[in-house]
PDB file of N, CA and C in Angstrom:
ATOM      1  N   UNK A   1      -0.156   8.104  -8.231  1.00  0.00           N
ATOM      2  CA  UNK A   1      -0.741   7.958  -7.749  1.00  0.00           C
ATOM      3  C   UNK A   1      -1.532   6.660  -8.070  1.00  0.00           C
ATOM      4  N   UNK A   2      -1.879   5.384  -6.373  1.00  0.00           N
ATOM      5  CA  UNK A   2      -1.798   4.076  -6.552  1.00  0.00           C
ATOM      6  C   UNK A   2      -2.773   3.962  -4.981  1.00  0.00           C
ATOM      7  N   UNK A   3      -4.460   3.634  -4.941  1.00  0.00           N
ATOM      8  CA  UNK A   3      -5.190   3.747  -4.374  1.00  0.00           C
ATOM      9  C   UNK A   3      -4.674   1.605  -3.810  1.00  0.00           C
ATOM     10  N   UNK A   4      -4.943   1.658  -2.807  1.00  0.00           N
ATOM     11  CA  UNK A   4      -5.122  -0.058  -2.289  1.00  0.00           C
ATOM     12  C   UNK A   4      -5.988  -0.177  -1.921  1.00  0.00           C
ATOM     13  N   UNK A   5      -7.284  -1.280  -1.620  1.00  0.00           N
ATOM     14  CA  UNK A   5      -8.150  -1.507  -1.114  1.00  0.00           C
ATOM     15  C   UNK A   5      -7.713  -2.853  -0.541  1.00  0.00           C
ATOM     16  N   UNK A   6      -7.471  -3.245   0.534  1.00  0.00           N
ATOM     17  CA  UNK A   6      -7.089  -4.272   2.102  1.00  0.00           C
ATOM     18  C   UNK A   6      -9.540  -4.791   1.676  1.00  0.00           C
ATOM     19  N   UNK A   7      -9.663  -6.031   1.088  1.00  0.00           N
ATOM     20  CA  UNK A   7     -10.706  -6.103   0.280  1.00  0.00           C
ATOM     21  C   UNK A   7     -10.793  -6.974   1.823  1.00  0.00           C
ATOM     22  N   UNK A   8      -9.861  -7.931   2.504  1.00  0.00           N
ATOM     23  CA  UNK A   8     -10.216  -9.114   2.489  1.00  0.00           C
ATOM     24  C   UNK A   8     -11.146  -7.777   4.879  1.00  0.00           C
ATOM     25  N   UNK A   9     -10.349  -6.709   4.818  1.00  0.00           N
ATOM     26  CA  UNK A   9     -11.274  -6.333   5.879  1.00  0.00           C
ATOM     27  C   UNK A   9     -12.247  -5.001   5.430  1.00  0.00           C
ATOM     28  N   UNK A  10     -12.754  -5.267   4.563  1.00  0.00           N
ATOM     29  CA  UNK A  10     -13.557  -3.934   3.915  1.00  0.00           C
ATOM     30  C   UNK A  10     -14.948  -5.128   5.061  1.00  0.00           C
ATOM     31  N   UNK A  11     -15.677  -3.582   5.945  1.00  0.00           N
ATOM     32  CA  UNK A  11     -16.518  -3.451   6.286  1.00  0.00           C
ATOM     33  C   UNK A  11     -18.363  -3.210   5.543  1.00  0.00           C
ATOM     34  N   UNK A  12     -18.359  -3.252   4.027  1.00  0.00           N
ATOM     35  CA  UNK A  12     -19.211  -2.406   3.312  1.00  0.00           C
ATOM     36  C   UNK A  12     -20.549  -1.413   3.825  1.00  0.00           C
ATOM     37  N   UNK A  13     -19.626  -0.175   3.744  1.00  0.00           N
ATOM     38  CA  UNK A  13     -20.279   0.596   5.054  1.00  0.00           C
ATOM     39  C   UNK A  13     -20.982   1.966   3.666  1.00  0.00           C
ATOM     40  N   UNK A  14     -20.058   1.357   3.094  1.00  0.00           N
ATOM     41  CA  UNK A  14     -20.303   2.662   1.609  1.00  0.00           C
ATOM     42  C   UNK A  14     -20.525   3.582   1.335  1.00  0.00           C
ATOM     43  N   UNK A  15     -19.293   4.303   1.957  1.00  0.00           N
ATOM     44  CA  UNK A  15     -18.206   5.981   2.570  1.00  0.00           C
ATOM     45  C   UNK A  15     -17.476   5.465   0.785  1.00  0.00           C
ATOM     46  N   UNK A  16     -16.894   4.885   0.900  1.00  0.00           N
ATOM     47  CA  UNK A  16     -15.893   4.659  -0.104  1.00  0.00           C
ATOM     48  C   UNK A  16     -16.269   5.241  -1.657  1.00  0.00           C
ATOM     49  N   UNK A  17     -17.532   4.323  -1.728  1.00  0.00           N
ATOM     50  CA  UNK A  17     -18.599   4.363  -3.588  1.00  0.00           C
ATOM     51  C   UNK A  17     -19.824   5.796  -3.041  1.00  0.00           C
ATOM     52  N   UNK A  18     -19.195   6.200  -1.574  1.00  0.00           N
ATOM     53  CA  UNK A  18     -19.942   7.622  -1.609  1.00  0.00           C
ATOM     54  C   UNK A  18     -19.492   8.560  -2.038  1.00  0.00           C
ATOM     55  N   UNK A  19     -18.713   8.814  -1.432  1.00  0.00           N
ATOM     56  CA  UNK A  19     -17.247   9.458  -1.604  1.00  0.00           C
ATOM     57  C   UNK A  19     -16.956   9.927  -2.766  1.00  0.00           C
ATOM     58  N   UNK A  20     -16.508   8.617  -3.603  1.00  0.00           N
ATOM     59  CA  UNK A  20     -15.736   9.288  -4.338  1.00  0.00           C
ATOM     60  C   UNK A  20     -16.489   7.767  -5.596  1.00  0.00           C
ATOM     61  N   UNK A  21     -17.891   7.715  -5.833  1.00  0.00           N
ATOM     62  CA  UNK A  21     -18.496   6.850  -7.244  1.00  0.00           C
ATOM     63  C   UNK A  21     -18.043   6.470  -8.196  1.00  0.00           C
ATOM     64  N   UNK A  22     -16.904   7.521  -8.215  1.00  0.00           N
ATOM     65  CA  UNK A  22     -16.274   7.465 -10.393  1.00  0.00           C
ATOM     66  C   UNK A  22     -14.919   6.686  -9.821  1.00  0.00           C
ATOM     67  N   UNK A  23     -14.390   6.391  -8.986  1.00  0.00           N
ATOM     68  CA  UNK A  23     -12.953   5.136  -8.533  1.00  0.00           C
ATOM     69  C   UNK A  23     -13.691   3.934  -8.099  1.00  0.00           C
ATOM     70  N   UNK A  24     -15.068   4.267  -6.985  1.00  0.00           N
ATOM     71  CA  UNK A  24     -15.338   2.566  -6.299  1.00  0.00           C
ATOM     72  C   UNK A  24     -16.305   2.368  -6.135  1.00  0.00           C
ATOM     73  N   UNK A  25     -16.334   0.930  -7.010  1.00  0.00           N
ATOM     74  CA  UNK A  25     -17.994   1.017  -6.688  1.00  0.00           C
ATOM     75  C   UNK A  25     -18.845  -0.543  -5.125  1.00  0.00           C
ATOM     76  N   UNK A  26     -19.911  -0.938  -4.825  1.00  0.00           N
ATOM     77  CA  UNK A  26     -19.396  -1.589  -4.576  1.00  0.00           C
ATOM     78  C   UNK A  26     -19.139  -3.550  -5.345  1.00  0.00           C
ATOM     79  N   UNK A  27     -19.282  -4.654  -5.244  1.00  0.00           N
ATOM     80  CA  UNK A  27     -19.121  -5.089  -5.849  1.00  0.00           C
ATOM     81  C   UNK A  27     -20.147  -7.102  -4.815  1.00  0.00           C
ATOM     82  N   UNK A  28     -21.235  -6.940  -6.809  1.00  0.00           N
ATOM     83  CA  UNK A  28     -21.569  -7.574  -6.208  1.00  0.00           C
ATOM     84  C   UNK A  28     -22.031  -8.939  -5.857  1.00  0.00           C
ATOM     85  N   UNK A  29     -21.160  -9.375  -6.002  1.00  0.00           N
ATOM     86  CA  UNK A  29     -20.150 -10.870  -5.395  1.00  0.00           C
ATOM     87  C   UNK A  29     -20.903 -10.679  -4.523  1.00  0.00           C
ATOM     88  N   UNK A  30     -19.647 -10.619  -3.837  1.00  0.00           N
ATOM     89  CA  UNK A  30     -19.527  -9.912  -2.117  1.00  0.00           C
ATOM     90  C   UNK A  30     -19.700  -8.867  -1.177  1.00  0.00           C
ATOM     91  N   UNK A  31     -20.098  -8.043  -1.474  1.00  0.00           N
ATOM     92  CA  UNK A  31     -20.640  -6.550  -1.351  1.00  0.00           C
ATOM     93  C   UNK A  31     -19.461  -5.652  -0.839  1.00  0.00           C
ATOM     94  N   UNK A  32     -17.968  -6.052  -0.942  1.00  0.00           N
ATOM     95  CA  UNK A  32     -17.115  -4.988  -0.579  1.00  0.00           C
ATOM     96  C   UNK A  32     -17.026  -4.207  -1.937  1.00  0.00           C
ATOM     97  N   UNK A  33     -16.323  -2.860  -1.503  1.00  0.00           N
ATOM     98  CA  UNK A  33     -15.883  -2.485  -1.556  1.00  0.00           C
ATOM     99  C   UNK A  33     -14.887  -3.000  -3.763  1.00  0.00           C
ATOM    100  N   UNK A  34     -14.520  -1.977  -4.440  1.00  0.00           N
ATOM    101  CA  UNK A  34     -14.007  -3.084  -5.053  1.00  0.00           C
ATOM    102  C   UNK A  34     -13.448  -1.237  -6.265  1.00  0.00           C
ATOM    103  N   UNK A  35     -12.339  -1.569  -6.967  1.00  0.00           N
ATOM    104  CA  UNK A  35     -12.318  -0.587  -8.084  1.00  0.00           C
ATOM    105  C   UNK A  35     -12.760  -1.018  -9.355  1.00  0.00           C
ATOM    106  N   UNK A  36     -13.752   0.177  -9.724  1.00  0.00           N
ATOM    107  CA  UNK A  36     -14.438   0.774 -10.940  1.00  0.00           C
ATOM    108  C   UNK A  36     -13.411  -0.236 -11.842  1.00  0.00           C
ATOM    109  N   UNK A  37     -13.683  -1.598 -13.737  1.00  0.00           N
ATOM    110  CA  UNK A  37     -13.300  -1.820 -13.558  1.00  0.00           C
ATOM    111  C   UNK A  37     -11.688  -0.875 -15.241  1.00  0.00           C
ATOM    112  N   UNK A  38     -12.281   0.481 -15.046  1.00  0.00           N
ATOM    113  CA  UNK A  38     -11.305   1.003 -16.459  1.00  0.00           C
ATOM    114  C   UNK A  38     -10.164   1.331 -15.480  1.00  0.00           C
ATOM    115  N   UNK A  39      -9.441   1.674 -13.877  1.00  0.00           N
ATOM    116  CA  UNK A  39      -8.825   2.369 -13.232  1.00  0.00           C
ATOM    117  C   UNK A  39      -8.371   1.111 -12.587  1.00  0.00           C
ATOM    118  N   UNK A  40      -8.569   0.062 -13.069  1.00  0.00           N
ATOM    119  CA  UNK A  40      -7.991  -1.271 -11.965  1.00  0.00           C
ATOM    120  C   UNK A  40      -6.320  -1.657 -12.730  1.00  0.00           C
ATOM    121  N   UNK A  41      -5.454  -1.956 -11.674  1.00  0.00           N
ATOM    122  CA  UNK A  41      -4.143  -2.342 -12.229  1.00  0.00           C
ATOM    123  C   UNK A  41      -4.091  -3.256 -12.562  1.00  0.00           C
ATOM    124  N   UNK A  42      -3.849  -3.381 -13.691  1.00  0.00           N
ATOM    125  CA  UNK A  42      -3.810  -5.573 -14.277  1.00  0.00           C
ATOM    126  C   UNK A  42      -4.756  -6.425 -14.223  1.00  0.00           C
ATOM    127  N   UNK A  43      -6.495  -5.558 -13.414  1.00  0.00           N
ATOM    128  CA  UNK A  43      -7.603  -6.383 -13.658  1.00  0.00           C
ATOM    129  C   UNK A  43      -7.140  -6.851 -12.604  1.00  0.00           C
ATOM    130  N   UNK A  44      -6.350  -6.413 -11.585  1.00  0.00           N
ATOM    131  CA  UNK A  44      -6.846  -5.945 -10.056  1.00  0.00           C
ATOM    132  C   UNK A  44      -7.758  -5.769  -9.670  1.00  0.00           C
ATOM    133  N   UNK A  45      -8.980  -6.218  -8.813  1.00  0.00           N
ATOM    134  CA  UNK A  45     -10.669  -5.258  -8.166  1.00  0.00           C
ATOM    135  C   UNK A  45      -9.882  -4.615  -6.855  1.00  0.00           C
ATOM    136  N   UNK A  46      -8.430  -4.305  -6.420  1.00  0.00           N
ATOM    137  CA  UNK A  46      -8.538  -3.648  -5.155  1.00  0.00           C
ATOM    138  C   UNK A  46      -7.566  -2.692  -5.470  1.00  0.00           C
ATOM    139  N   UNK A  47      -6.931  -2.850  -6.854  1.00  0.00           N
ATOM    140  CA  UNK A  47      -5.681  -1.580  -6.928  1.00  0.00           C
ATOM    141  C   UNK A  47      -5.962  -0.313  -7.923  1.00  0.00           C
ATOM    142  N   UNK A  48      -5.609   0.833  -7.673  1.00  0.00           N
ATOM    143  CA  UNK A  48      -5.921   0.739  -8.806  1.00  0.00           C
ATOM    144  C   UNK A  48      -5.338   2.429  -9.246  1.00  0.00           C
ATOM    145  N   UNK A  49      -5.239   2.885  -9.945  1.00  0.00           N
ATOM    146  CA  UNK A  49      -4.425   4.035 -10.268  1.00  0.00           C
ATOM    147  C   UNK A  49      -5.343   5.402 -10.468  1.00  0.00           C
ATOM    148  N   UNK A  50      -6.310   6.188 -10.478  1.00  0.00           N
ATOM    149  CA  UNK A  50      -7.181   7.398 -10.448  1.00  0.00           C
ATOM    150  C   UNK A  50      -6.605   8.227 -11.362  1.00  0.00           C
ATOM    151  N   UNK A  51      -7.182   9.072 -12.611  1.00  0.00           N
ATOM    152  CA  UNK A  51      -6.852  10.133 -13.198  1.00  0.00           C
ATOM    153  C   UNK A  51      -7.482  10.829 -12.190  1.00  0.00           C
ATOM    154  N   UNK A  52      -6.778  12.237 -12.741  1.00  0.00           N
ATOM    155  CA  UNK A  52      -6.264  13.270 -11.601  1.00  0.00           C
ATOM    156  C   UNK A  52      -7.522  13.908 -11.322  1.00  0.00           C
ATOM    157  N   UNK A  53      -8.110  13.856 -11.550  1.00  0.00           N
ATOM    158  CA  UNK A  53      -9.081  14.477 -11.499  1.00  0.00           C
ATOM    159  C   UNK A  53     -10.632  13.470 -10.194  1.00  0.00           C
ATOM    160  N   UNK A  54     -10.116  12.921 -10.234  1.00  0.00           N
ATOM    161  CA  UNK A  54     -10.492  11.572  -9.103  1.00  0.00           C
ATOM    162  C   UNK A  54      -9.120  11.387  -7.842  1.00  0.00           C
ATOM    163  N   UNK A  55      -8.534  11.974  -8.414  1.00  0.00           N
ATOM    164  CA  UNK A  55      -7.943  12.242  -6.770  1.00  0.00           C
ATOM    165  C   UNK A  55      -7.993  12.932  -5.823  1.00  0.00           C
ATOM    166  N   UNK A  56      -8.769  13.998  -6.259  1.00  0.00           N
ATOM    167  CA  UNK A  56      -9.123  14.283  -4.713  1.00  0.00           C
ATOM    168  C   UNK A  56      -9.948  13.886  -3.647  1.00  0.00           C
ATOM    169  N   UNK A  57     -11.548  13.248  -4.910  1.00  0.00           N
ATOM    170  CA  UNK A  57     -12.380  12.177  -4.090  1.00  0.00           C
ATOM    171  C   UNK A  57     -10.545  10.983  -3.773  1.00  0.00           C
ATOM    172  N   UNK A  58     -11.026  10.725  -4.214  1.00  0.00           N
ATOM    173  CA  UNK A  58      -9.772   9.386  -3.318  1.00  0.00           C
ATOM    174  C   UNK A  58      -9.404   8.997  -2.178  1.00  0.00           C
ATOM    175  N   UNK A  59      -8.627  10.739  -1.773  1.00  0.00           N
ATOM    176  CA  UNK A  59      -7.954  10.433  -1.119  1.00  0.00           C
ATOM    177  C   UNK A  59      -9.071  11.214  -0.035  1.00  0.00           C
ATOM    178  N   UNK A  60     -10.135  11.712   0.415  1.00  0.00           N
ATOM    179  CA  UNK A  60     -11.557  11.891   0.884  1.00  0.00           C
ATOM    180  C   UNK A  60     -11.210  10.448   1.217  1.00  0.00           C
ATOM    181  N   UNK A  61     -12.106   9.083   0.445  1.00  0.00           N
ATOM    182  CA  UNK A  61     -12.697   8.820   0.937  1.00  0.00           C
ATOM    183  C   UNK A  61     -11.598   7.927   1.693  1.00  0.00           C
ATOM    184  N   UNK A  62     -10.465   7.373   1.223  1.00  0.00           N
ATOM    185  CA  UNK A  62      -9.728   7.229   2.276  1.00  0.00           C
ATOM    186  C   UNK A  62      -9.275   7.160   3.711  1.00  0.00           C
ATOM    187  N   UNK A  63      -9.970   8.699   4.056  1.00  0.00           N
ATOM    188  CA  UNK A  63      -9.647   9.912   5.539  1.00  0.00           C
ATOM    189  C   UNK A  63     -10.979   9.561   5.423  1.00  0.00           C
ATOM    190  N   UNK A  64     -12.703   9.240   4.753  1.00  0.00           N
ATOM    191  CA  UNK A  64     -13.196   8.407   5.942  1.00  0.00           C
ATOM    192  C   UNK A  64     -14.001   7.478   6.370  1.00  0.00           C
ATOM    193  N   UNK A  65     -13.621   6.981   5.192  1.00  0.00           N
ATOM    194  CA  UNK A  65     -13.248   5.199   5.142  1.00  0.00           C
ATOM    195  C   UNK A  65     -13.233   4.216   7.326  1.00  0.00           C
ATOM    196  N   UNK A  66     -13.814   3.801   7.652  1.00  0.00           N
ATOM    197  CA  UNK A  66     -14.232   4.333   8.924  1.00  0.00           C
ATOM    198  C   UNK A  66     -12.848   3.021   9.669  1.00  0.00           C
ATOM    199  N   UNK A  67     -12.610   1.826   8.761  1.00  0.00           N
ATOM    200  CA  UNK A  67     -11.528   1.216   9.055  1.00  0.00           C
ATOM    201  C   UNK A  67     -10.244   1.057   8.698  1.00  0.00           C
ATOM    202  N   UNK A  68     -10.504   2.709   7.800  1.00  0.00           N
ATOM    203  CA  UNK A  68      -9.124   2.334   7.055  1.00  0.00           C
ATOM    204  C   UNK A  68      -8.515   1.850   6.619  1.00  0.00           C
ATOM    205  N   UNK A  69      -9.287   0.827   5.214  1.00  0.00           N
ATOM    206  CA  UNK A  69      -8.855  -0.487   4.357  1.00  0.00           C
ATOM    207  C   UNK A  69      -7.470   0.773   3.117  1.00  0.00           C
ATOM    208  N   UNK A  70      -8.111   1.675   2.905  1.00  0.00           N
ATOM    209  CA  UNK A  70      -7.757   1.815   1.261  1.00  0.00           C
ATOM    210  C   UNK A  70      -6.492   2.508   2.052  1.00  0.00           C
ATOM    211  N   UNK A  71      -5.489   3.002   1.029  1.00  0.00           N
ATOM    212  CA  UNK A  71      -4.361   3.303   1.545  1.00  0.00           C
ATOM    213  C   UNK A  71      -3.768   4.474  -0.044  1.00  0.00           C
ATOM    214  N   UNK A  72      -3.912   5.165  -0.006  1.00  0.00           N
ATOM    215  CA  UNK A  72      -2.775   6.011  -1.277  1.00  0.00           C
ATOM    216  C   UNK A  72      -1.440   5.704  -0.858  1.00  0.00           C
ATOM    217  N   UNK A  73      -1.510   6.095  -2.629  1.00  0.00           N
ATOM    218  CA  UNK A  73       0.620   5.626  -2.849  1.00  0.00           C
ATOM    219  C   UNK A  73       0.835   6.072  -3.342  1.00  0.00           C
ATOM    220  N   UNK A  74       2.141   7.724  -3.915  1.00  0.00           N
ATOM    221  CA  UNK A  74       1.992   8.081  -4.419  1.00  0.00           C
ATOM    222  C   UNK A  74       2.904   8.120  -5.025  1.00  0.00           C
TER     223      UNK A  74
END
């Protein structure tokens, strides 16, 4: 599973980091969502590969996002 955040259209609502705090966090520099460092792909704050135990909450976060900027790729 690969998770991608379109940070350019993030509205900083917090639904993703509330639904899946093990994978998402608020970036203190711009307040937008980002992937927690240990799950990032090549250091990219907008792309990550969660562990199996985080996959269901990652999907929940994508489903809850009011602007639908989180995509899940299998």
